[in-house]
Structures are given as structure tokens and as C-alpha cells.
Amino acid sequence: MNFILFDDPEFKIGLLPLTFTRPVADIRIGIFKISEKWEKYLGVRASFKTENYLSKKFLLHEDENSVYVNGSVCPTPELCIEIDKLENGSALIQNDVLIAYRNEPKNKKIF
């Protein structure tokens, strides 16, 4: 499975100026960055869906089985289980915040 950490525009704006130079998931919380926490839980390398000017440094890799995860959310074992259960075209939403979404490349325009 391919995991992509996306920037939620509402959270990105709230974290300025830190997020001018990096995706939200590249911010450190404690010892690890949010992206490193996800990679540790998932056991795979994640890529980033972020602003165009940041995409040269923070690469995006999409394939047939991509799962988009909100980069401002920290992982938990329970959340990882719920994300793993997502079917193509389904989403995990809490309090009107998109947490995760599984899609196929033909449905790229989800944000």
C-alpha cells in the first residue's frame, strides 16, 4: 500500500510561518516528525501531497492503491487499523475534518 501525507489547508494556514518551508507532516512533535511517526507505525515510506513549490523537495508518489492521510494527524494503533479497513473511494472523517481517504489515480482530484 502507498501512503501519502497531505496538507490540510486549514491546519497549514494555522501553522504559518513554519509551513512556508515544509509540509505540516514535516513538523517535529517531540523527537520525531509527524511523517516519521506515521512511517514507524505503518512500516513503509510515505510521500507528500503539498504545495507545488515544495513538491521538488517533498516528493509525491501515487499508484493504484494510494491512501491519503491528513499530515496534521498523529498516528495511533486504532487509527492505523481504521485506515487499513478503508475501501477504494471511502474516507475517514471526524468533526468535518478529512482524516484519510483511499483512492485510485483516476480520482486524483479529491482536495
N, C-alpha and C. Protein backbone atom coordinates (compact mmCIF):
# COMPACT_ATOMS: atom_id res chain seq x y z
N MET A 1 0.84 -1.17 0.00
CA MET A 1 0.00 0.00 0.00
C MET A 1 0.89 1.25 0.00
N ASN A 2 0.43 2.27 -0.68
CA ASN A 2 1.16 3.53 -0.82
C ASN A 2 0.49 4.59 0.07
N PHE A 3 1.25 5.19 0.99
CA PHE A 3 0.71 6.21 1.88
C PHE A 3 1.21 7.59 1.51
N ILE A 4 0.27 8.54 1.44
CA ILE A 4 0.58 9.91 1.07
C ILE A 4 0.06 10.82 2.19
N LEU A 5 0.92 11.62 2.76
CA LEU A 5 0.54 12.58 3.79
C LEU A 5 0.20 13.90 3.10
N PHE A 6 -1.05 14.35 3.25
CA PHE A 6 -1.47 15.57 2.57
C PHE A 6 -1.60 16.73 3.56
N ASP A 7 -1.43 17.93 3.04
CA ASP A 7 -1.60 19.14 3.84
C ASP A 7 -3.06 19.56 3.84
N ASP A 8 -3.65 19.63 5.01
CA ASP A 8 -4.99 20.18 5.16
C ASP A 8 -4.84 21.70 5.16
N PRO A 9 -5.42 22.41 4.18
CA PRO A 9 -5.19 23.86 4.07
C PRO A 9 -5.52 24.63 5.35
N GLU A 10 -6.55 24.22 6.06
CA GLU A 10 -6.94 24.93 7.28
C GLU A 10 -5.85 24.84 8.36
N PHE A 11 -5.26 23.66 8.53
CA PHE A 11 -4.21 23.48 9.52
C PHE A 11 -2.90 24.13 9.05
N LYS A 12 -2.64 24.05 7.74
CA LYS A 12 -1.40 24.63 7.21
C LYS A 12 -1.36 26.14 7.46
N ILE A 13 -2.45 26.81 7.23
CA ILE A 13 -2.52 28.26 7.45
C ILE A 13 -2.33 28.58 8.92
N GLY A 14 -2.91 27.77 9.80
CA GLY A 14 -2.80 28.00 11.22
C GLY A 14 -1.39 27.79 11.77
N LEU A 15 -0.54 27.13 11.00
CA LEU A 15 0.82 26.84 11.46
C LEU A 15 1.88 27.70 10.76
N LEU A 16 1.43 28.72 10.05
CA LEU A 16 2.39 29.65 9.44
C LEU A 16 3.13 30.39 10.54
N PRO A 17 4.38 30.72 10.40
CA PRO A 17 5.24 30.63 9.23
C PRO A 17 5.98 29.29 9.10
N LEU A 18 5.79 28.36 10.06
CA LEU A 18 6.50 27.07 9.98
C LEU A 18 6.23 26.34 8.67
N THR A 19 5.01 26.44 8.16
CA THR A 19 4.63 25.66 6.99
C THR A 19 4.90 26.37 5.66
N PHE A 20 5.59 27.50 5.70
CA PHE A 20 6.04 28.11 4.44
C PHE A 20 7.10 27.25 3.79
N THR A 21 7.91 26.56 4.57
CA THR A 21 9.06 25.85 4.04
C THR A 21 8.96 24.33 4.15
N ARG A 22 7.84 23.84 4.61
CA ARG A 22 7.69 22.38 4.78
C ARG A 22 6.22 22.01 4.87
N PRO A 23 5.89 20.75 4.55
CA PRO A 23 4.54 20.27 4.77
C PRO A 23 4.26 20.17 6.28
N VAL A 24 3.00 20.16 6.63
CA VAL A 24 2.62 20.03 8.04
C VAL A 24 3.23 18.76 8.64
N ALA A 25 3.23 17.67 7.90
CA ALA A 25 3.74 16.39 8.40
C ALA A 25 5.25 16.39 8.62
N ASP A 26 5.94 17.43 8.18
CA ASP A 26 7.38 17.51 8.38
C ASP A 26 7.74 18.30 9.65
N ILE A 27 6.74 18.68 10.41
CA ILE A 27 6.97 19.40 11.67
C ILE A 27 7.26 18.38 12.77
N ARG A 28 8.20 18.72 13.63
CA ARG A 28 8.56 17.84 14.75
C ARG A 28 7.60 18.00 15.92
N ILE A 29 7.22 16.85 16.46
CA ILE A 29 6.49 16.81 17.72
C ILE A 29 7.29 15.87 18.60
N GLY A 30 8.06 16.43 19.50
CA GLY A 30 8.98 15.61 20.29
C GLY A 30 10.21 15.28 19.46
N ILE A 31 10.65 14.04 19.56
CA ILE A 31 11.85 13.61 18.84
C ILE A 31 11.59 13.42 17.36
N PHE A 32 10.40 12.94 17.02
CA PHE A 32 10.08 12.59 15.63
C PHE A 32 9.21 13.63 14.94
N LYS A 33 9.36 13.70 13.61
CA LYS A 33 8.43 14.46 12.78
C LYS A 33 7.14 13.64 12.68
N ILE A 34 6.04 14.30 12.35
CA ILE A 34 4.77 13.58 12.18
C ILE A 34 4.93 12.50 11.12
N SER A 35 5.62 12.81 10.03
CA SER A 35 5.82 11.82 8.95
C SER A 35 6.62 10.62 9.46
N GLU A 36 7.61 10.85 10.30
CA GLU A 36 8.40 9.75 10.85
C GLU A 36 7.56 8.87 11.77
N LYS A 37 6.65 9.47 12.50
CA LYS A 37 5.74 8.70 13.36
C LYS A 37 4.87 7.78 12.50
N TRP A 38 4.31 8.32 11.41
CA TRP A 38 3.48 7.51 10.51
C TRP A 38 4.31 6.38 9.90
N GLU A 39 5.50 6.69 9.45
CA GLU A 39 6.35 5.66 8.82
C GLU A 39 6.69 4.56 9.81
N LYS A 40 6.89 4.92 11.05
CA LYS A 40 7.19 3.93 12.09
C LYS A 40 5.99 3.01 12.35
N TYR A 41 4.80 3.60 12.43
CA TYR A 41 3.58 2.81 12.64
C TYR A 41 3.25 1.93 11.45
N LEU A 42 3.42 2.49 10.24
CA LEU A 42 3.00 1.78 9.03
C LEU A 42 4.06 0.84 8.48
N GLY A 43 5.30 1.09 8.80
CA GLY A 43 6.39 0.26 8.30
C GLY A 43 6.70 0.50 6.83
N VAL A 44 6.27 1.64 6.30
CA VAL A 44 6.55 2.00 4.90
C VAL A 44 6.94 3.47 4.82
N ARG A 45 7.56 3.84 3.74
CA ARG A 45 7.94 5.23 3.50
C ARG A 45 6.74 5.98 2.92
N ALA A 46 6.43 7.11 3.48
CA ALA A 46 5.31 7.92 2.99
C ALA A 46 5.82 9.00 2.05
N SER A 47 4.94 9.47 1.16
CA SER A 47 5.27 10.61 0.33
C SER A 47 4.34 11.76 0.71
N PHE A 48 4.49 12.91 0.06
CA PHE A 48 3.79 14.12 0.47
C PHE A 48 2.98 14.73 -0.66
N LYS A 49 1.77 15.17 -0.36
CA LYS A 49 0.97 15.99 -1.28
C LYS A 49 0.92 17.37 -0.63
N THR A 50 1.66 18.29 -1.21
CA THR A 50 1.81 19.61 -0.61
C THR A 50 1.79 20.68 -1.70
N GLU A 51 2.13 21.89 -1.34
CA GLU A 51 2.17 23.00 -2.30
C GLU A 51 3.15 22.69 -3.43
N ASN A 52 2.86 23.20 -4.63
CA ASN A 52 3.71 22.94 -5.80
C ASN A 52 5.16 23.34 -5.57
N TYR A 53 5.39 24.48 -4.94
CA TYR A 53 6.76 24.95 -4.75
C TYR A 53 7.55 24.09 -3.77
N LEU A 54 6.87 23.29 -2.94
CA LEU A 54 7.54 22.38 -2.01
C LEU A 54 7.71 20.97 -2.58
N SER A 55 7.02 20.69 -3.67
CA SER A 55 7.00 19.32 -4.19
C SER A 55 8.32 18.86 -4.80
N LYS A 56 9.25 19.75 -5.04
CA LYS A 56 10.56 19.34 -5.54
C LYS A 56 11.38 18.67 -4.44
N LYS A 57 11.20 19.11 -3.22
CA LYS A 57 11.92 18.52 -2.09
C LYS A 57 11.12 17.40 -1.43
N PHE A 58 9.81 17.59 -1.33
CA PHE A 58 8.92 16.62 -0.68
C PHE A 58 8.12 15.92 -1.77
N LEU A 59 8.62 14.77 -2.18
CA LEU A 59 8.10 14.08 -3.36
C LEU A 59 6.76 13.40 -3.13
N LEU A 60 6.01 13.28 -4.23
CA LEU A 60 4.71 12.62 -4.24
C LEU A 60 4.80 11.38 -5.12
N HIS A 61 4.38 10.25 -4.59
CA HIS A 61 4.32 9.02 -5.37
C HIS A 61 2.91 8.46 -5.25
N GLU A 62 2.17 8.43 -6.38
CA GLU A 62 0.81 7.90 -6.39
C GLU A 62 0.79 6.62 -7.20
N ASP A 63 -0.04 5.67 -6.78
CA ASP A 63 -0.24 4.46 -7.57
C ASP A 63 -1.68 3.98 -7.41
N GLU A 64 -1.97 2.79 -7.89
CA GLU A 64 -3.33 2.25 -7.89
C GLU A 64 -3.92 2.07 -6.50
N ASN A 65 -3.09 1.93 -5.50
CA ASN A 65 -3.57 1.67 -4.15
C ASN A 65 -3.02 2.72 -3.18
N SER A 66 -3.38 3.98 -3.42
CA SER A 66 -2.88 5.07 -2.58
C SER A 66 -3.86 5.38 -1.46
N VAL A 67 -3.31 5.63 -0.28
CA VAL A 67 -4.10 6.08 0.86
C VAL A 67 -3.56 7.44 1.26
N TYR A 68 -4.44 8.45 1.25
CA TYR A 68 -4.07 9.80 1.64
C TYR A 68 -4.40 9.96 3.12
N VAL A 69 -3.43 10.45 3.89
CA VAL A 69 -3.62 10.65 5.33
C VAL A 69 -3.33 12.11 5.65
N ASN A 70 -4.19 12.71 6.45
CA ASN A 70 -4.02 14.11 6.85
C ASN A 70 -2.70 14.25 7.62
N GLY A 71 -1.81 15.07 7.11
CA GLY A 71 -0.48 15.23 7.68
C GLY A 71 -0.46 15.92 9.03
N SER A 72 -1.59 16.48 9.46
CA SER A 72 -1.63 17.13 10.77
C SER A 72 -2.11 16.20 11.87
N VAL A 73 -2.40 14.96 11.52
CA VAL A 73 -2.90 13.98 12.48
C VAL A 73 -1.77 13.03 12.87
N CYS A 74 -1.61 12.81 14.17
CA CYS A 74 -0.61 11.86 14.66
C CYS A 74 -1.21 10.46 14.70
N PRO A 75 -0.42 9.45 14.39
CA PRO A 75 -0.95 8.08 14.33
C PRO A 75 -1.16 7.47 15.72
N THR A 76 -2.11 6.57 15.76
CA THR A 76 -2.34 5.70 16.92
C THR A 76 -2.59 4.30 16.36
N PRO A 77 -2.42 3.28 17.17
CA PRO A 77 -2.71 1.92 16.67
C PRO A 77 -4.15 1.78 16.17
N GLU A 78 -5.10 2.37 16.89
CA GLU A 78 -6.51 2.27 16.49
C GLU A 78 -6.77 2.98 15.16
N LEU A 79 -6.16 4.14 14.98
CA LEU A 79 -6.33 4.88 13.74
C LEU A 79 -5.74 4.11 12.56
N CYS A 80 -4.59 3.50 12.74
CA CYS A 80 -3.96 2.71 11.67
C CYS A 80 -4.85 1.54 11.27
N ILE A 81 -5.50 0.92 12.23
CA ILE A 81 -6.43 -0.19 11.93
C ILE A 81 -7.60 0.31 11.10
N GLU A 82 -8.17 1.45 11.48
CA GLU A 82 -9.31 2.01 10.75
C GLU A 82 -8.91 2.43 9.33
N ILE A 83 -7.74 3.00 9.17
CA ILE A 83 -7.27 3.40 7.85
C ILE A 83 -7.04 2.18 6.98
N ASP A 84 -6.53 1.11 7.57
CA ASP A 84 -6.29 -0.13 6.82
C ASP A 84 -7.60 -0.73 6.31
N LYS A 85 -8.70 -0.47 6.98
CA LYS A 85 -10.02 -1.02 6.59
C LYS A 85 -10.66 -0.24 5.44
N LEU A 86 -10.14 0.95 5.10
CA LEU A 86 -10.76 1.77 4.07
C LEU A 86 -10.77 1.06 2.72
N GLU A 87 -11.91 1.15 2.04
CA GLU A 87 -12.04 0.61 0.69
C GLU A 87 -11.84 1.75 -0.31
N ASN A 88 -11.59 1.40 -1.59
CA ASN A 88 -11.41 2.43 -2.61
C ASN A 88 -12.60 3.38 -2.65
N GLY A 89 -12.29 4.66 -2.66
CA GLY A 89 -13.33 5.69 -2.71
C GLY A 89 -13.94 6.04 -1.37
N SER A 90 -13.49 5.41 -0.29
CA SER A 90 -14.07 5.71 1.02
C SER A 90 -13.14 6.62 1.81
N ALA A 91 -13.73 7.28 2.82
CA ALA A 91 -12.98 8.25 3.61
C ALA A 91 -13.26 8.06 5.08
N LEU A 92 -12.34 8.55 5.87
CA LEU A 92 -12.48 8.57 7.33
C LEU A 92 -12.51 10.04 7.73
N ILE A 93 -13.66 10.46 8.31
CA ILE A 93 -13.87 11.87 8.64
C ILE A 93 -14.29 11.97 10.10
N GLN A 94 -13.75 12.96 10.81
CA GLN A 94 -14.16 13.22 12.17
C GLN A 94 -14.33 14.72 12.36
N ASN A 95 -15.48 15.14 12.88
CA ASN A 95 -15.77 16.55 13.11
C ASN A 95 -15.51 17.40 11.86
N ASP A 96 -15.97 16.94 10.72
CA ASP A 96 -15.80 17.63 9.43
C ASP A 96 -14.35 17.78 8.99
N VAL A 97 -13.44 17.01 9.56
CA VAL A 97 -12.03 17.02 9.15
C VAL A 97 -11.73 15.70 8.46
N LEU A 98 -11.23 15.79 7.23
CA LEU A 98 -10.83 14.60 6.49
C LEU A 98 -9.56 14.02 7.10
N ILE A 99 -9.65 12.81 7.64
CA ILE A 99 -8.51 12.15 8.27
C ILE A 99 -7.75 11.31 7.26
N ALA A 100 -8.47 10.52 6.47
CA ALA A 100 -7.82 9.64 5.49
C ALA A 100 -8.79 9.33 4.37
N TYR A 101 -8.23 9.00 3.20
CA TYR A 101 -9.03 8.70 2.02
C TYR A 101 -8.25 7.72 1.15
N ARG A 102 -8.93 6.69 0.66
CA ARG A 102 -8.28 5.74 -0.26
C ARG A 102 -8.87 5.96 -1.65
N ASN A 103 -8.00 6.08 -2.62
CA ASN A 103 -8.49 6.30 -3.97
C ASN A 103 -7.64 5.59 -5.01
N GLU A 104 -8.09 5.75 -6.24
CA GLU A 104 -7.36 5.27 -7.40
C GLU A 104 -6.89 6.49 -8.18
N PRO A 105 -5.82 6.40 -8.97
CA PRO A 105 -5.30 7.56 -9.70
C PRO A 105 -6.33 8.28 -10.57
N LYS A 106 -7.31 7.57 -11.11
CA LYS A 106 -8.30 8.25 -11.95
C LYS A 106 -9.16 9.22 -11.15
N ASN A 107 -9.18 9.11 -9.82
CA ASN A 107 -9.94 10.01 -8.96
C ASN A 107 -9.02 10.99 -8.24
N LYS A 108 -7.96 11.42 -8.88
CA LYS A 108 -6.92 12.22 -8.23
C LYS A 108 -7.43 13.48 -7.55
N LYS A 109 -8.43 14.14 -8.09
CA LYS A 109 -8.85 15.44 -7.60
C LYS A 109 -9.77 15.29 -6.40
N ILE A 110 -9.21 15.01 -5.22
CA ILE A 110 -10.03 14.86 -4.02
C ILE A 110 -9.97 16.08 -3.12
N PHE A 111 -9.02 16.98 -3.35
CA PHE A 111 -8.89 18.14 -2.46
C PHE A 111 -9.21 19.39 -3.23
